[in-house]
Protein backbone atom coordinates (compact mmCIF):
# COMPACT_ATOMS: atom_id res chain seq x y z
CA MET A 1 55.12 155.55 151.29
CA ASN A 2 55.74 156.00 155.41
CA THR A 3 60.16 156.28 155.40
CA HIS A 4 59.72 157.51 158.78
CA PRO A 5 57.51 155.79 160.77
CA SER A 6 56.71 156.29 164.23
CA ALA A 7 55.83 153.52 165.96
CA PRO A 8 54.15 152.71 169.56
CA GLY A 9 55.83 150.50 171.86
CA LEU A 10 59.13 150.32 173.47
CA SER A 11 61.34 153.13 172.06
CA PRO A 12 64.96 152.26 171.83
CA ALA A 13 66.92 154.36 174.63
CA THR A 14 70.42 155.51 174.05
CA SER A 15 73.04 156.22 176.88
CA LEU A 16 75.33 158.60 174.64
CA PRO A 17 75.80 162.82 175.41
CA PHE A 18 73.37 163.81 172.29
CA ARG A 19 73.72 167.57 172.60
CA ASP A 20 71.57 170.41 171.59
CA ASP A 21 74.10 170.92 168.89
CA HIS A 22 73.53 167.43 168.07
CA GLU A 23 69.71 167.53 167.80
CA MET A 24 70.25 170.45 165.52
CA LEU A 25 71.87 169.02 163.23
CA ARG A 26 69.52 165.35 163.34
CA GLN A 27 66.26 167.95 162.18
CA THR A 28 68.48 169.38 159.52
CA ALA A 29 69.51 165.77 157.99
CA ARG A 30 65.86 164.48 158.89
CA ARG A 31 64.48 167.24 156.66
CA PHE A 32 67.42 167.24 154.12
CA PHE A 33 66.79 162.87 153.80
CA GLU A 34 62.78 163.32 153.91
CA THR A 35 62.20 165.98 151.83
CA GLU A 36 65.16 166.58 149.14
CA CYS A 37 66.32 162.80 148.88
CA ALA A 38 63.33 160.09 149.35
CA PRO A 39 61.08 161.67 147.04
CA HIS A 40 64.01 160.51 144.04
CA ARG A 41 64.98 157.29 145.19
CA GLU A 42 63.41 155.68 142.47
CA ALA A 43 65.34 157.84 139.55
CA TRP A 44 68.75 157.76 141.43
CA ASP A 45 67.90 153.86 141.63
CA GLU A 46 67.53 153.51 137.71
CA ALA A 47 70.56 156.18 137.49
CA GLY A 48 72.93 153.90 139.57
CA MET A 49 73.64 157.00 141.19
CA VAL A 50 72.91 160.58 142.58
CA PRO A 51 73.11 163.52 140.84
CA ARG A 52 76.20 166.01 141.74
CA ALA A 53 73.86 169.06 143.07
CA ILE A 54 72.73 167.19 145.63
CA TRP A 55 76.32 166.88 147.35
CA ARG A 56 76.69 170.44 146.86
CA ARG A 57 73.29 171.04 148.70
CA ALA A 58 74.32 168.51 151.75
CA GLY A 59 77.74 171.21 151.80
CA GLU A 60 75.35 174.01 151.90
CA LEU A 61 73.37 172.29 154.68
CA GLY A 62 76.61 171.77 156.72
CA LEU A 63 75.97 167.90 156.36
CA LEU A 64 79.30 167.15 154.94
CA CYS A 65 82.41 166.71 156.93
CA PRO A 66 81.17 168.46 160.05
CA ARG A 67 83.95 166.40 162.04
CA ILE A 68 86.65 168.29 160.29
CA ASP A 69 88.60 171.36 161.90
CA PRO A 70 86.77 174.59 161.00
CA ALA A 71 90.14 175.53 159.45
CA TYR A 72 89.33 173.32 156.85
CA GLY A 73 85.81 174.07 156.42
CA GLY A 74 84.19 171.82 158.65
CA ALA A 75 82.23 172.13 161.88
CA GLY A 76 84.75 170.65 164.73
CA GLY A 77 82.14 167.95 165.47
CA ASP A 78 82.48 164.71 167.36
CA LEU A 79 81.39 160.92 166.50
CA LEU A 80 77.83 161.93 167.60
CA HIS A 81 77.20 163.73 164.97
CA ALA A 82 78.43 161.36 162.12
CA ILE A 83 75.55 158.93 164.35
CA VAL A 84 73.01 161.49 163.92
CA LEU A 85 73.35 161.72 160.29
CA THR A 86 73.80 157.73 159.94
CA GLU A 87 70.62 157.44 161.60
CA GLU A 88 68.69 159.65 160.12
CA GLN A 89 69.62 158.97 156.42
CA VAL A 90 68.51 154.97 157.09
CA LYS A 91 64.72 156.03 158.76
CA ALA A 92 64.64 157.98 155.73
CA GLY A 93 65.10 155.06 153.40
CA VAL A 94 67.80 156.74 151.38
CA VAL A 95 70.82 154.91 150.72
CA ALA A 96 72.81 157.79 148.66
CA PRO A 97 74.25 160.05 148.43
CA MET A 98 76.90 158.02 150.22
CA ILE A 99 77.50 160.76 153.29
CA SER A 100 79.14 158.47 155.58
CA LEU A 101 81.53 156.98 152.95
CA HIS A 102 82.40 160.48 152.32
CA ASN A 103 82.13 161.80 155.48
CA ASP A 104 83.34 159.30 158.07
CA VAL A 105 85.71 156.77 155.71
CA VAL A 106 87.69 159.22 153.24
CA ALA A 107 88.29 162.33 155.31
CA PRO A 108 89.69 160.80 158.17
CA TYR A 109 92.37 159.68 156.14
CA LEU A 110 93.38 162.93 155.29
CA VAL A 111 92.59 164.54 159.22
CA ALA A 112 94.69 161.28 160.26
CA TYR A 113 97.70 161.27 157.62
CA GLY A 114 97.75 163.86 155.61
CA SER A 115 100.43 166.60 154.63
CA GLU A 116 98.99 170.27 155.59
CA ALA A 117 99.01 171.55 152.11
CA GLN A 118 97.12 167.74 151.14
CA LYS A 119 94.69 168.47 154.17
CA ALA A 120 94.12 172.06 152.79
CA ARG A 121 93.61 171.25 149.21
CA ALA A 122 91.20 168.59 149.91
CA LEU A 123 89.21 168.70 152.86
CA PRO A 124 87.39 172.00 151.59
CA ARG A 125 86.22 171.12 148.44
CA MET A 126 85.09 167.53 149.71
CA ALA A 127 83.05 170.25 152.52
CA THR A 128 81.49 171.67 150.33
CA GLY A 129 80.63 168.94 148.47
CA GLU A 130 82.87 170.16 145.20
CA TRP A 131 84.96 167.08 145.40
CA LEU A 132 83.40 163.45 146.35
CA GLY A 133 85.74 161.03 148.18
CA ALA A 134 86.34 156.96 147.43
CA ILE A 135 88.60 154.58 148.85
CA ALA A 136 90.13 152.18 146.62
CA MET A 137 91.51 148.55 148.84
CA THR A 138 89.38 146.14 147.01
CA GLU A 139 90.93 144.28 143.47
CA PRO A 140 89.43 141.46 141.26
CA SER A 141 91.49 138.82 142.69
CA ALA A 142 92.39 140.62 146.69
CA GLY A 143 89.35 141.36 148.37
CA SER A 144 89.84 140.79 152.25
CA ASP A 145 93.13 139.63 151.49
CA LEU A 146 94.68 142.99 151.25
CA ARG A 147 97.94 141.92 151.26
CA GLY A 148 97.67 140.33 147.82
CA MET A 149 96.87 143.37 146.34
CA LYS A 150 98.23 143.62 142.52
CA THR A 151 98.38 147.25 141.77
CA ARG A 152 101.43 148.60 141.60
CA ALA A 153 103.10 152.21 142.05
CA ARG A 154 106.53 152.38 140.77
CA ARG A 155 108.84 155.19 141.42
CA ASP A 156 110.19 156.61 138.58
CA GLY A 157 111.93 160.45 139.46
CA ASP A 158 109.96 162.49 140.85
CA ASP A 159 106.64 160.95 140.09
CA TYR A 160 105.13 157.53 141.10
CA VAL A 161 103.81 155.32 138.46
CA ILE A 162 100.74 153.28 139.14
CA SER A 163 99.11 150.78 137.32
CA GLY A 164 96.52 148.35 138.49
CA GLN A 165 92.49 147.91 138.87
CA LYS A 166 90.03 147.97 141.53
CA THR A 167 86.42 146.61 141.87
CA PHE A 168 83.13 147.20 144.28
CA ILE A 169 84.71 151.11 144.79
CA SER A 170 81.92 152.76 146.44
CA HIS A 171 81.95 156.24 144.23
CA GLY A 172 84.09 154.75 141.58
CA ALA A 173 81.95 155.96 139.28
CA THR A 174 81.88 159.92 140.25
CA ALA A 175 84.86 160.27 142.86
CA ASP A 176 87.49 163.31 142.30
CA LEU A 177 89.42 161.92 144.81
CA ILE A 178 90.22 158.59 145.68
CA VAL A 179 92.76 157.15 148.67
CA LEU A 180 94.37 154.47 147.03
CA ALA A 181 95.82 151.26 147.90
CA ALA A 182 98.96 149.98 146.19
CA GLN A 183 101.80 147.92 146.12
CA ALA A 184 105.03 150.23 146.29
CA GLU A 185 108.58 149.27 146.86
CA ALA A 186 108.79 149.10 150.57
CA GLY A 187 104.91 148.09 151.04
CA ILE A 188 101.09 148.50 150.60
CA SER A 189 100.97 152.78 150.60
CA LEU A 190 98.06 155.09 150.01
CA PHE A 191 98.26 157.55 147.47
CA LEU A 192 96.00 160.80 147.12
CA VAL A 193 94.64 160.23 143.65
CA GLU A 194 92.80 163.28 141.84
CA THR A 195 90.65 162.14 139.04
CA ASP A 196 89.84 165.01 137.17
CA GLY A 197 92.05 165.18 133.62
CA LEU A 198 94.24 162.57 134.86
CA ALA A 199 95.92 160.47 131.92
CA GLY A 200 95.69 156.54 132.10
CA PHE A 201 93.18 156.97 134.79
CA SER A 202 89.76 155.09 133.60
CA ARG A 203 86.31 153.88 135.15
CA GLY A 204 83.45 151.27 134.47
CA ALA A 205 80.10 151.96 134.55
CA PRO A 206 78.04 151.69 137.79
CA LEU A 207 77.55 147.93 138.73
CA ASP A 208 74.75 145.92 138.20
CA LYS A 209 74.00 145.32 142.17
CA MET A 210 71.31 143.08 143.82
CA GLY A 211 70.72 146.27 146.66
CA GLN A 212 71.54 149.55 147.37
CA PHE A 213 70.93 150.45 143.36
CA SER A 214 71.28 154.21 143.75
CA ALA A 215 75.19 153.91 145.22
CA ASP A 216 77.45 154.15 142.99
CA THR A 217 79.60 151.60 142.84
CA ALA A 218 82.29 150.87 139.95
CA GLU A 219 85.35 149.81 138.91
CA ILE A 220 88.10 151.79 138.15
CA PHE A 221 91.67 151.01 136.19
CA PHE A 222 95.02 152.48 136.38
CA ASP A 223 97.02 152.70 133.19
CA GLU A 224 100.33 154.00 133.90
CA VAL A 225 99.14 156.87 135.70
CA ARG A 226 101.62 159.24 136.99
CA LEU A 227 101.12 160.64 139.98
CA PRO A 228 103.70 163.50 142.14
CA ALA A 229 105.71 161.88 144.66
CA SER A 230 103.53 164.50 147.50
CA ALA A 231 100.32 161.95 146.71
CA LEU A 232 102.10 159.69 149.01
CA LEU A 233 99.87 159.26 152.05
CA GLY A 234 101.49 159.63 154.89
CA GLY A 235 104.95 161.05 153.63
CA GLU A 236 106.43 157.57 153.98
CA GLU A 237 105.93 154.42 151.88
CA GLY A 238 105.08 151.27 153.38
CA ARG A 239 102.66 152.33 156.32
CA GLY A 240 99.29 151.94 153.86
CA PHE A 241 98.68 148.40 155.86
CA ALA A 242 98.77 150.03 158.90
CA GLN A 243 96.92 153.39 157.96
CA LEU A 244 94.29 150.69 156.74
CA GLY A 245 94.34 148.34 159.61
CA GLU A 246 93.90 152.01 161.87
CA ARG A 247 91.14 152.86 159.96
CA LEU A 248 89.03 150.12 159.63
CA VAL A 249 88.13 150.20 163.28
CA GLU A 250 86.24 152.93 162.79
CA GLU A 251 84.86 152.12 159.23
CA ARG A 252 83.12 148.95 161.03
CA LEU A 253 82.04 151.13 164.36
CA MET A 254 79.74 152.81 162.04
CA THR A 255 78.69 149.96 160.12
CA GLY A 256 77.61 148.82 163.32
CA VAL A 257 75.93 152.26 163.68
CA VAL A 258 74.03 151.21 160.37
CA ALA A 259 72.90 147.91 161.37
CA GLN A 260 71.49 149.58 164.10
CA ALA A 261 70.05 151.97 162.74
CA PHE A 262 68.46 149.38 160.15
CA MET A 263 67.62 146.62 162.86
CA GLU A 264 65.31 149.96 165.03
CA THR A 265 63.74 151.13 161.42
CA ALA A 266 62.43 147.88 160.32
CA ILE A 267 61.01 147.03 163.52
CA ASP A 268 59.22 150.45 164.03
CA HIS A 269 57.75 149.83 160.07
CA THR A 270 56.97 146.50 160.96
CA VAL A 271 55.15 147.53 164.27
CA ALA A 272 53.01 150.20 162.41
CA TYR A 273 52.11 147.49 159.72
CA THR A 274 51.16 145.05 161.97
CA ARG A 275 48.73 147.44 163.80
CA GLU A 276 46.89 148.59 160.53
CA ARG A 277 46.94 144.94 158.89
CA LYS A 278 44.10 142.38 159.45
CA ALA A 279 43.56 138.80 158.99
CA PHE A 280 41.06 136.36 160.18
CA GLY A 281 39.33 139.14 161.80
CA GLN A 282 41.93 140.52 163.84
CA ARG A 283 45.39 142.67 163.42
CA ILE A 284 48.36 140.82 162.68
CA ILE A 285 49.87 141.85 166.08
CA ASP A 286 47.48 140.48 167.52
CA PHE A 287 48.30 137.16 166.83
CA GLN A 288 50.79 135.59 169.58
CA ASN A 289 53.10 134.62 167.40
CA SER A 290 53.74 138.05 165.69
CA ARG A 291 54.11 139.63 169.30
CA PHE A 292 56.78 137.28 169.75
CA ARG A 293 58.80 137.28 167.05
CA LEU A 294 58.11 141.34 167.53
CA ALA A 295 59.20 141.08 170.90
CA GLU A 296 62.55 139.25 170.24
CA ALA A 297 63.66 141.08 167.65
CA ARG A 298 63.15 144.46 169.98
CA THR A 299 64.60 142.85 172.47
CA GLU A 300 67.56 141.87 170.32
CA ALA A 301 67.87 145.08 168.98
CA VAL A 302 68.17 146.98 172.69
CA VAL A 303 70.93 144.33 173.82
CA CYS A 304 72.93 145.14 170.10
CA ARG A 305 72.06 148.98 170.67
CA THR A 306 73.94 147.98 174.21
CA PHE A 307 76.81 146.95 173.25
CA LEU A 308 77.40 149.53 169.92
CA GLU A 309 77.15 152.49 172.60
CA ARG A 310 79.85 150.72 174.71
CA CYS A 311 81.58 150.68 171.52
CA VAL A 312 80.91 153.87 170.79
CA THR A 313 81.95 155.69 174.00
CA LYS A 314 85.36 153.34 174.24
CA PHE A 315 85.91 154.65 170.38
CA MET A 316 85.73 158.38 171.69
CA ALA A 317 88.10 157.68 174.61
CA GLY A 318 90.55 156.12 172.69
CA ARG A 319 90.24 152.39 173.62
CA LEU A 320 88.36 150.81 171.21
CA ASP A 321 90.72 148.39 169.67
CA ALA A 322 90.32 146.01 166.49
CA SER A 323 89.26 142.62 167.62
CA GLU A 324 85.93 144.35 169.31
CA ALA A 325 85.18 146.66 166.51
CA ALA A 326 84.91 143.39 164.33
CA MET A 327 82.73 141.79 167.31
CA LEU A 328 80.46 144.89 166.77
CA LYS A 329 80.82 144.60 162.60
CA TRP A 330 80.31 140.58 162.89
CA TRP A 331 77.25 140.36 165.24
CA SER A 332 75.27 143.45 164.44
CA THR A 333 75.27 142.69 160.79
CA GLU A 334 74.35 139.23 161.34
CA GLN A 335 71.29 140.40 163.29
CA GLN A 336 70.54 143.48 161.03
CA ASN A 337 69.69 140.59 158.60
CA ARG A 338 67.79 138.29 161.06
CA ILE A 339 65.57 140.82 162.06
CA VAL A 340 64.94 142.45 158.70
CA ASP A 341 64.12 139.31 157.17
CA ALA A 342 61.82 138.15 160.21
CA CYS A 343 59.94 141.73 159.14
CA VAL A 344 59.60 141.02 155.76
CA GLN A 345 57.62 137.41 157.11
CA LEU A 346 55.63 139.76 159.09
CA HIS A 347 54.60 141.67 156.39
CA GLY A 348 53.58 138.87 154.30
CA GLY A 349 53.37 139.15 150.57
CA TYR A 350 53.27 142.84 151.01
CA GLY A 351 57.00 142.38 152.47
CA TYR A 352 58.20 141.34 149.08
CA MET A 353 57.04 144.14 147.25
CA LEU A 354 59.75 147.35 146.55
CA GLU A 355 56.72 149.78 147.27
CA TYR A 356 57.03 148.57 150.61
CA PRO A 357 60.31 150.06 152.78
CA ILE A 358 61.32 147.11 154.10
CA ALA A 359 61.66 145.35 151.05
CA ARG A 360 64.32 147.53 150.00
CA MET A 361 65.38 147.14 153.67
CA TRP A 362 66.08 143.61 153.02
CA LEU A 363 68.02 144.42 149.81
CA ASP A 364 69.98 146.67 151.03
CA SER A 365 71.33 145.10 154.12
CA ARG A 366 72.55 141.93 152.52
CA VAL A 367 76.06 143.24 151.61
CA ALA A 368 76.44 144.58 155.24
CA LYS A 369 78.09 141.02 156.05
CA ILE A 370 80.39 141.43 153.24
CA TYR A 371 81.73 145.35 152.80
CA GLY A 372 84.41 146.60 155.48
CA GLY A 373 85.51 143.22 155.57
CA ALA A 374 83.86 139.95 155.62
CA ASN A 375 82.13 138.54 158.47
CA GLU A 376 84.17 135.51 158.50
CA ILE A 377 87.47 137.41 158.53
CA MET A 378 85.57 139.86 161.88
CA LYS A 379 85.73 135.97 163.64
CA ASP A 380 89.27 135.36 162.47
CA ILE A 381 90.77 139.01 163.72
CA ILE A 382 88.43 137.93 166.89
CA GLY A 383 90.05 134.71 167.31
CA ARG A 384 93.46 136.09 166.85
CA ALA A 385 93.04 137.78 170.02
CA LEU A 386 91.95 135.61 171.61
């Protein structure tokens, strides 16, 4: 199975200022995902998660938390390092290990809001792969409606006592460190939960999803779990909703990066396939309908990349706001699903076979319109900013 096609034709150009160090990381990431992850995808899909050893290996190669300060085990990198890792993982057809969740969603909460003690304890362990990170917001009755969460954090002397349930938690079955959102007396607050040997904490088996099979997703439960007061993230109760809102801008930006990589990879696979496959005495790509649909898809992807790179540039300058991040998340994931679906169609019956990368991409794409805030919520965010 070809997981990294090199299709002729229009290649997506980039205006982003990638440097030699970014390209060195790209080569390392490409080798890691293609040789150490892709051959094991079926076994990992069956298990519903990846082995811990692969995280240690990613840490050895410098693929974990490259953006954090070297004082905490990182490389002091930037957003472009995160983009390189994400692009190469998608191109290799590998959904797990969920490195971007670990690097670009969880670690930044510690960097932005953690105390010196919290950062010194957690970040070096995340950089080596000793600890896996997760964030727990969603509940059975509170998905996009975060203010409706029922998990409670009650102050009891020098401790907080946590009770509640979270669902659809990526790394829920394996995380060593969880950024937990809960209702405290002063409002939604974030807590750092170290799971090893934690009394009252439990987790369900990996959930049976319709795609992203090897991406560990589970329910987690808190039954009068005691956390020290020092587990509060940000040092003050009631700041959690604002903290989540601030960090969701970057999460939605990275969702756009993933969507873009899916679009371009799907097109590359499909151009390569339609150049080889024949019907009625000619190549599939020689039919006008095929050329027109691929032309549309490539144009749509290039337009999306232009907007994505504008958002990346604004984010790196500290100027990307919540409404524009919502525009990117909504529009790019919609286009991702449209383009991947069109590419399945151009593969014909083979597009429905899981041995072909495009079929897996179709399954793995659908959730993009849901996670990180459903696309309907994105439209509401945009509408309220008008």
